C-alpha atoms as a PDB file:
ATOM      1  CA  UNK A   1      16.986  13.951  16.878  1.00  0.00           C
ATOM      2  CA  UNK A   2      17.791  11.057  19.224  1.00  0.00           C
ATOM      3  CA  UNK A   3      14.584  11.786  21.138  1.00  0.00           C
ATOM      4  CA  UNK A   4      12.548  11.803  17.924  1.00  0.00           C
ATOM      5  CA  UNK A   5      13.888   8.399  16.894  1.00  0.00           C
ATOM      6  CA  UNK A   6      12.932   7.073  20.280  1.00  0.00           C
ATOM      7  CA  UNK A   7       9.397   8.378  19.791  1.00  0.00           C
ATOM      8  CA  UNK A   8       9.270   6.789  16.345  1.00  0.00           C
ATOM      9  CA  UNK A   9      10.229   3.417  17.904  1.00  0.00           C
ATOM     10  CA  UNK A  10       7.406   3.753  20.418  1.00  0.00           C
ATOM     11  CA  UNK A  11       4.903   4.668  17.753  1.00  0.00           C
ATOM     12  CA  UNK A  12       6.005   1.776  15.579  1.00  0.00           C
ATOM     13  CA  UNK A  13       5.800  -0.681  18.421  1.00  0.00           C
ATOM     14  CA  UNK A  14       2.372   0.626  19.517  1.00  0.00           C
ATOM     15  CA  UNK A  15       1.096   0.404  15.948  1.00  0.00           C
ATOM     16  CA  UNK A  16       2.306  -3.202  15.541  1.00  0.00           C
ATOM     17  CA  UNK A  17       0.716  -4.140  18.793  1.00  0.00           C
ATOM     18  CA  UNK A  18      -2.555  -2.426  17.775  1.00  0.00           C
ATOM     19  CA  UNK A  19      -2.546  -4.222  14.401  1.00  0.00           C
ATOM     20  CA  UNK A  20      -1.988  -7.580  16.097  1.00  0.00           C
ATOM     21  CA  UNK A  21      -4.844  -6.841  18.540  1.00  0.00           C
ATOM     22  CA  UNK A  22      -7.153  -5.846  15.677  1.00  0.00           C
ATOM     23  CA  UNK A  23      -6.256  -8.918  13.645  1.00  0.00           C
ATOM     24  CA  UNK A  24      -7.130 -11.214  16.540  1.00  0.00           C
ATOM     25  CA  UNK A  25     -10.188  -9.222  17.691  1.00  0.00           C
ATOM     26  CA  UNK A  26     -12.755 -11.633  16.295  1.00  0.00           C
ATOM     27  CA  UNK A  27     -12.909 -15.079  17.873  1.00  0.00           C
ATOM     28  CA  UNK A  28     -13.139 -18.048  15.499  1.00  0.00           C
ATOM     29  CA  UNK A  29     -15.523 -20.956  15.943  1.00  0.00           C
ATOM     30  CA  UNK A  30     -14.805 -24.661  15.630  1.00  0.00           C
ATOM     31  CA  UNK A  31     -15.518 -24.900  11.930  1.00  0.00           C
ATOM     32  CA  UNK A  32     -13.089 -22.133  11.099  1.00  0.00           C
ATOM     33  CA  UNK A  33     -10.434 -23.588  13.376  1.00  0.00           C
ATOM     34  CA  UNK A  34     -10.906 -26.980  11.641  1.00  0.00           C
ATOM     35  CA  UNK A  35     -10.550 -25.428   8.183  1.00  0.00           C
ATOM     36  CA  UNK A  36      -7.524 -23.487   9.316  1.00  0.00           C
ATOM     37  CA  UNK A  37      -5.898 -26.641  10.735  1.00  0.00           C
ATOM     38  CA  UNK A  38      -6.426 -28.443   7.388  1.00  0.00           C
ATOM     39  CA  UNK A  39      -4.782 -25.509   5.569  1.00  0.00           C
ATOM     40  CA  UNK A  40      -1.797 -25.644   7.956  1.00  0.00           C
ATOM     41  CA  UNK A  41      -1.428 -29.439   7.446  1.00  0.00           C
ATOM     42  CA  UNK A  42      -1.409 -28.936   3.662  1.00  0.00           C
ATOM     43  CA  UNK A  43       1.090 -26.084   3.883  1.00  0.00           C
ATOM     44  CA  UNK A  44      -1.425 -23.601   2.531  1.00  0.00           C
ATOM     45  CA  UNK A  45      -1.775 -20.015   3.657  1.00  0.00           C
ATOM     46  CA  UNK A  46      -5.206 -18.923   4.860  1.00  0.00           C
ATOM     47  CA  UNK A  47      -6.624 -15.480   5.547  1.00  0.00           C
ATOM     48  CA  UNK A  48      -6.107 -14.130   9.016  1.00  0.00           C
ATOM     49  CA  UNK A  49      -9.038 -13.621  11.366  1.00  0.00           C
ATOM     50  CA  UNK A  50      -8.786  -9.886  10.755  1.00  0.00           C
ATOM     51  CA  UNK A  51      -8.924 -10.311   7.008  1.00  0.00           C
ATOM     52  CA  UNK A  52     -11.732 -12.783   7.304  1.00  0.00           C
ATOM     53  CA  UNK A  53     -13.801 -10.507   9.487  1.00  0.00           C
ATOM     54  CA  UNK A  54     -13.191  -7.625   7.062  1.00  0.00           C
ATOM     55  CA  UNK A  55     -14.449  -9.782   4.189  1.00  0.00           C
ATOM     56  CA  UNK A  56     -17.514 -10.751   6.234  1.00  0.00           C
ATOM     57  CA  UNK A  57     -18.183  -7.111   6.999  1.00  0.00           C
ATOM     58  CA  UNK A  58     -17.849  -6.098   3.344  1.00  0.00           C
ATOM     59  CA  UNK A  59     -20.147  -8.906   2.170  1.00  0.00           C
ATOM     60  CA  UNK A  60     -22.726  -7.877   4.743  1.00  0.00           C
ATOM     61  CA  UNK A  61     -22.405  -4.190   3.830  1.00  0.00           C
ATOM     62  CA  UNK A  62     -22.932  -5.026   0.166  1.00  0.00           C
ATOM     63  CA  UNK A  63     -25.930  -7.214   1.026  1.00  0.00           C
ATOM     64  CA  UNK A  64     -24.151  -9.711  -1.160  1.00  0.00           C
ATOM     65  CA  UNK A  65     -26.211 -12.421  -2.855  1.00  0.00           C
ATOM     66  CA  UNK A  66     -23.590 -13.561  -5.396  1.00  0.00           C
ATOM     67  CA  UNK A  67     -19.888 -13.684  -4.522  1.00  0.00           C
ATOM     68  CA  UNK A  68     -17.023 -15.121  -6.588  1.00  0.00           C
ATOM     69  CA  UNK A  69     -13.890 -16.375  -4.908  1.00  0.00           C
ATOM     70  CA  UNK A  70     -10.605 -17.132  -6.560  1.00  0.00           C
ATOM     71  CA  UNK A  71      -8.764 -19.621  -4.371  1.00  0.00           C
ATOM     72  CA  UNK A  72     -10.995 -21.923  -2.320  1.00  0.00           C
ATOM     73  CA  UNK A  73      -8.193 -23.241  -0.109  1.00  0.00           C
ATOM     74  CA  UNK A  74      -9.749 -25.294   2.644  1.00  0.00           C
ATOM     75  CA  UNK A  75     -12.675 -22.943   3.173  1.00  0.00           C
ATOM     76  CA  UNK A  76     -11.488 -20.388   5.726  1.00  0.00           C
ATOM     77  CA  UNK A  77     -12.253 -17.293   3.607  1.00  0.00           C
ATOM     78  CA  UNK A  78     -15.356 -18.911   2.251  1.00  0.00           C
ATOM     79  CA  UNK A  79     -16.908 -19.306   5.691  1.00  0.00           C
ATOM     80  CA  UNK A  80     -16.297 -15.682   6.451  1.00  0.00           C
ATOM     81  CA  UNK A  81     -17.811 -14.610   3.133  1.00  0.00           C
ATOM     82  CA  UNK A  82     -20.887 -16.840   3.611  1.00  0.00           C
ATOM     83  CA  UNK A  83     -21.369 -15.486   7.132  1.00  0.00           C
ATOM     84  CA  UNK A  84     -21.626 -11.981   5.705  1.00  0.00           C
ATOM     85  CA  UNK A  85     -23.776 -12.796   2.673  1.00  0.00           C
ATOM     86  CA  UNK A  86     -27.562 -12.832   2.525  1.00  0.00           C
ATOM     87  CA  UNK A  87     -29.192 -16.106   3.748  1.00  0.00           C
ATOM     88  CA  UNK A  88     -30.105 -16.926   0.093  1.00  0.00           C
ATOM     89  CA  UNK A  89     -26.696 -15.962  -1.234  1.00  0.00           C
ATOM     90  CA  UNK A  90     -24.465 -18.297  -3.232  1.00  0.00           C
ATOM     91  CA  UNK A  91     -20.668 -18.371  -3.164  1.00  0.00           C
ATOM     92  CA  UNK A  92     -18.992 -19.451  -6.381  1.00  0.00           C
ATOM     93  CA  UNK A  93     -15.500 -20.584  -5.494  1.00  0.00           C
ATOM     94  CA  UNK A  94     -12.747 -21.583  -7.911  1.00  0.00           C
ATOM     95  CA  UNK A  95      -9.609 -23.567  -7.184  1.00  0.00           C
ATOM     96  CA  UNK A  96      -7.261 -25.739  -9.334  1.00  0.00           C
ATOM     97  CA  UNK A  97      -7.133 -28.448  -6.604  1.00  0.00           C
ATOM     98  CA  UNK A  98     -10.419 -30.350  -6.173  1.00  0.00           C
ATOM     99  CA  UNK A  99      -9.191 -32.028  -2.953  1.00  0.00           C
ATOM    100  CA  UNK A 100      -8.875 -28.641  -1.272  1.00  0.00           C
ATOM    101  CA  UNK A 101     -12.471 -27.987  -2.257  1.00  0.00           C
ATOM    102  CA  UNK A 102     -13.577 -31.191  -0.559  1.00  0.00           C
ATOM    103  CA  UNK A 103     -12.148 -29.897   2.689  1.00  0.00           C
ATOM    104  CA  UNK A 104     -14.009 -26.643   2.112  1.00  0.00           C
ATOM    105  CA  UNK A 105     -17.284 -28.555   1.575  1.00  0.00           C
ATOM    106  CA  UNK A 106     -16.839 -30.233   4.935  1.00  0.00           C
ATOM    107  CA  UNK A 107     -15.944 -26.955   6.587  1.00  0.00           C
ATOM    108  CA  UNK A 108     -19.033 -25.179   5.146  1.00  0.00           C
ATOM    109  CA  UNK A 109     -21.230 -28.045   6.301  1.00  0.00           C
ATOM    110  CA  UNK A 110     -19.702 -27.928   9.784  1.00  0.00           C
ATOM    111  CA  UNK A 111     -20.347 -24.122   9.849  1.00  0.00           C
ATOM    112  CA  UNK A 112     -24.051 -24.823   9.252  1.00  0.00           C
ATOM    113  CA  UNK A 113     -24.388 -23.827   5.613  1.00  0.00           C
ATOM    114  CA  UNK A 114     -26.639 -25.781   3.290  1.00  0.00           C
ATOM    115  CA  UNK A 115     -25.037 -27.470   0.304  1.00  0.00           C
ATOM    116  CA  UNK A 116     -26.727 -25.115  -2.169  1.00  0.00           C
ATOM    117  CA  UNK A 117     -25.014 -22.076  -0.592  1.00  0.00           C
ATOM    118  CA  UNK A 118     -21.780 -22.792  -2.438  1.00  0.00           C
ATOM    119  CA  UNK A 119     -20.891 -23.732  -6.031  1.00  0.00           C
ATOM    120  CA  UNK A 120     -17.493 -25.338  -6.346  1.00  0.00           C
ATOM    121  CA  UNK A 121     -15.726 -25.094  -9.686  1.00  0.00           C
ATOM    122  CA  UNK A 122     -12.352 -26.897 -10.041  1.00  0.00           C
ATOM    123  CA  UNK A 123      -9.923 -25.366 -12.523  1.00  0.00           C
ATOM    124  CA  UNK A 124      -7.632 -22.439 -13.245  1.00  0.00           C
ATOM    125  CA  UNK A 125      -9.253 -19.162 -12.455  1.00  0.00           C
ATOM    126  CA  UNK A 126      -8.538 -17.624 -15.866  1.00  0.00           C
ATOM    127  CA  UNK A 127     -10.175 -20.588 -17.539  1.00  0.00           C
ATOM    128  CA  UNK A 128     -13.262 -20.445 -15.308  1.00  0.00           C
ATOM    129  CA  UNK A 129     -13.891 -16.699 -14.839  1.00  0.00           C
ATOM    130  CA  UNK A 130     -14.745 -16.008 -18.516  1.00  0.00           C
ATOM    131  CA  UNK A 131     -17.649 -18.448 -18.187  1.00  0.00           C
ATOM    132  CA  UNK A 132     -19.239 -16.460 -15.317  1.00  0.00           C
ATOM    133  CA  UNK A 133     -22.014 -13.957 -15.945  1.00  0.00           C
ATOM    134  CA  UNK A 134     -21.296 -10.284 -16.782  1.00  0.00           C
ATOM    135  CA  UNK A 135     -22.405  -7.979 -13.964  1.00  0.00           C
ATOM    136  CA  UNK A 136     -23.704 -10.928 -11.967  1.00  0.00           C
ATOM    137  CA  UNK A 137     -21.637 -10.537  -8.802  1.00  0.00           C
ATOM    138  CA  UNK A 138     -21.753  -8.267  -5.758  1.00  0.00           C
ATOM    139  CA  UNK A 139     -18.184  -9.078  -4.577  1.00  0.00           C
ATOM    140  CA  UNK A 140     -15.132 -10.809  -6.082  1.00  0.00           C
ATOM    141  CA  UNK A 141     -12.450 -12.011  -3.704  1.00  0.00           C
ATOM    142  CA  UNK A 142      -9.048 -12.771  -5.275  1.00  0.00           C
ATOM    143  CA  UNK A 143      -6.612 -15.022  -3.417  1.00  0.00           C
ATOM    144  CA  UNK A 144      -4.882 -16.767  -6.262  1.00  0.00           C
ATOM    145  CA  UNK A 145      -1.650 -16.545  -8.261  1.00  0.00           C
ATOM    146  CA  UNK A 146      -0.172 -13.047  -7.806  1.00  0.00           C
ATOM    147  CA  UNK A 147       1.294 -13.191 -11.286  1.00  0.00           C
ATOM    148  CA  UNK A 148      -2.306 -13.291 -12.621  1.00  0.00           C
ATOM    149  CA  UNK A 149      -3.637 -10.463 -10.381  1.00  0.00           C
ATOM    150  CA  UNK A 150      -4.066  -7.930 -13.208  1.00  0.00           C
ATOM    151  CA  UNK A 151      -6.008 -10.487 -15.215  1.00  0.00           C
ATOM    152  CA  UNK A 152      -8.183 -11.143 -12.147  1.00  0.00           C
ATOM    153  CA  UNK A 153      -8.827  -7.398 -11.946  1.00  0.00           C
ATOM    154  CA  UNK A 154      -9.967  -7.219 -15.554  1.00  0.00           C
ATOM    155  CA  UNK A 155     -12.274 -10.158 -15.097  1.00  0.00           C
ATOM    156  CA  UNK A 156     -13.641  -8.713 -11.869  1.00  0.00           C
ATOM    157  CA  UNK A 157     -14.560  -5.462 -13.541  1.00  0.00           C
ATOM    158  CA  UNK A 158     -16.611  -7.461 -15.985  1.00  0.00           C
ATOM    159  CA  UNK A 159     -18.207  -9.662 -13.351  1.00  0.00           C
ATOM    160  CA  UNK A 160     -19.149  -6.961 -10.851  1.00  0.00           C
ATOM    161  CA  UNK A 161     -22.374  -4.981 -10.834  1.00  0.00           C
ATOM    162  CA  UNK A 162     -22.059  -1.241 -10.431  1.00  0.00           C
ATOM    163  CA  UNK A 163     -21.313  -0.674  -6.715  1.00  0.00           C
ATOM    164  CA  UNK A 164     -19.823  -4.115  -6.336  1.00  0.00           C
ATOM    165  CA  UNK A 165     -16.542  -4.805  -4.575  1.00  0.00           C
ATOM    166  CA  UNK A 166     -13.280  -6.463  -5.603  1.00  0.00           C
ATOM    167  CA  UNK A 167     -10.793  -7.512  -2.904  1.00  0.00           C
ATOM    168  CA  UNK A 168      -7.221  -8.779  -3.224  1.00  0.00           C
ATOM    169  CA  UNK A 169      -5.545 -10.690  -0.423  1.00  0.00           C
ATOM    170  CA  UNK A 170      -1.828 -10.594   0.389  1.00  0.00           C
ATOM    171  CA  UNK A 171      -0.811  -7.364  -1.296  1.00  0.00           C
ATOM    172  CA  UNK A 172       1.832  -6.614   1.367  1.00  0.00           C
ATOM    173  CA  UNK A 173       3.621  -9.814   0.256  1.00  0.00           C
ATOM    174  CA  UNK A 174       5.207 -10.229   3.705  1.00  0.00           C
ATOM    175  CA  UNK A 175       6.627  -6.726   3.532  1.00  0.00           C
ATOM    176  CA  UNK A 176       8.256  -7.180   0.113  1.00  0.00           C
ATOM    177  CA  UNK A 177       5.860  -4.824  -1.687  1.00  0.00           C
ATOM    178  CA  UNK A 178       7.462  -1.777  -0.017  1.00  0.00           C
ATOM    179  CA  UNK A 179      11.020  -3.233   0.261  1.00  0.00           C
ATOM    180  CA  UNK A 180      13.444  -1.358  -1.935  1.00  0.00           C
ATOM    181  CA  UNK A 181      15.537  -4.452  -2.586  1.00  0.00           C
ATOM    182  CA  UNK A 182      15.249  -6.359  -5.836  1.00  0.00           C
ATOM    183  CA  UNK A 183      12.011  -8.405  -5.794  1.00  0.00           C
ATOM    184  CA  UNK A 184      10.610 -11.341  -7.833  1.00  0.00           C
ATOM    185  CA  UNK A 185       8.073 -10.997 -10.540  1.00  0.00           C
ATOM    186  CA  UNK A 186       5.048 -11.700  -8.413  1.00  0.00           C
ATOM    187  CA  UNK A 187       5.861  -8.733  -6.142  1.00  0.00           C
ATOM    188  CA  UNK A 188       6.415  -6.463  -9.131  1.00  0.00           C
ATOM    189  CA  UNK A 189       2.989  -7.530 -10.376  1.00  0.00           C
ATOM    190  CA  UNK A 190       1.407  -6.671  -7.019  1.00  0.00           C
ATOM    191  CA  UNK A 191       2.948  -3.202  -7.230  1.00  0.00           C
ATOM    192  CA  UNK A 192       1.479  -2.832 -10.728  1.00  0.00           C
ATOM    193  CA  UNK A 193      -1.897  -3.981  -9.410  1.00  0.00           C
ATOM    194  CA  UNK A 194      -1.814  -1.380  -6.640  1.00  0.00           C
ATOM    195  CA  UNK A 195      -0.954   1.409  -9.102  1.00  0.00           C
ATOM    196  CA  UNK A 196      -3.654   0.293 -11.515  1.00  0.00           C
ATOM    197  CA  UNK A 197      -6.369   0.172  -8.868  1.00  0.00           C
ATOM    198  CA  UNK A 198      -5.338   3.484  -7.345  1.00  0.00           C
ATOM    199  CA  UNK A 199      -5.306   5.264 -10.700  1.00  0.00           C
ATOM    200  CA  UNK A 200      -8.437   3.652 -12.144  1.00  0.00           C
ATOM    201  CA  UNK A 201     -11.334   5.970 -12.871  1.00  0.00           C
ATOM    202  CA  UNK A 202     -13.687   2.985 -12.526  1.00  0.00           C
ATOM    203  CA  UNK A 203     -12.737   2.137  -8.949  1.00  0.00           C
ATOM    204  CA  UNK A 204     -12.861   3.716  -5.505  1.00  0.00           C
ATOM    205  CA  UNK A 205     -10.034   2.004  -3.601  1.00  0.00           C
ATOM    206  CA  UNK A 206      -8.828   1.438  -0.072  1.00  0.00           C
ATOM    207  CA  UNK A 207      -5.875  -0.606   1.295  1.00  0.00           C
ATOM    208  CA  UNK A 208      -6.733  -2.232   4.598  1.00  0.00           C
ATOM    209  CA  UNK A 209      -3.847  -3.176   6.926  1.00  0.00           C
ATOM    210  CA  UNK A 210      -5.242  -6.505   8.039  1.00  0.00           C
ATOM    211  CA  UNK A 211      -3.464  -9.851   7.682  1.00  0.00           C
ATOM    212  CA  UNK A 212      -0.974  -9.545   4.799  1.00  0.00           C
ATOM    213  CA  UNK A 213      -2.815  -6.559   3.298  1.00  0.00           C
ATOM    214  CA  UNK A 214      -6.339  -6.439   1.818  1.00  0.00           C
ATOM    215  CA  UNK A 215      -6.746  -4.220  -1.267  1.00  0.00           C
ATOM    216  CA  UNK A 216     -10.419  -3.363  -1.726  1.00  0.00           C
ATOM    217  CA  UNK A 217     -12.203  -1.234  -4.355  1.00  0.00           C
ATOM    218  CA  UNK A 218     -15.792  -0.384  -5.245  1.00  0.00           C
ATOM    219  CA  UNK A 219     -16.740  -0.382  -8.909  1.00  0.00           C
ATOM    220  CA  UNK A 220     -18.314   2.993  -9.575  1.00  0.00           C
ATOM    221  CA  UNK A 221     -21.792   3.079 -10.997  1.00  0.00           C
END
């Protein structure tokens, strides 16, 4: 038994090292580093390089022309999404803080994207999303209030075309999602989101161990 526990420690250490290597596998350019620095200065979280590169890959795989993003931040995730989208694709990004979106505008410009590649909408996501077109999006990326995640899911199912993708950032909640100790409401809501997505007959899900956890699902045709 003692030997087995030792093996488990080695496996765990190797897995953590491998995850860290995978998360840092893709090098970031100057525009991404600038946007990430602005987020750090504002005390905002931003997606990890591993999460960003996964979003870029998913957008490219979906040949995405229309993407909706909940939570602009300072533009880190938006750059990755735009990099994966079609050259004529448009990112619609929603955030309650217009000043953050101004940083994102600068970051997108520095990354070489024309101004018409992104549509910035200030406001609460649940006020804005109902105004977006049914079935008009190839991918919806959710990085907003965890307490509203189930509402984001319902809106995403309406917004996505058949075969479109919905992705939720931060579903590990810094390890709290799987912690047996008492947790705040936002973590309980994430657990409910995970159950709902896994059990949905409309969705084909996968949970990617990048960054703080990226929950992805394809809307079945």
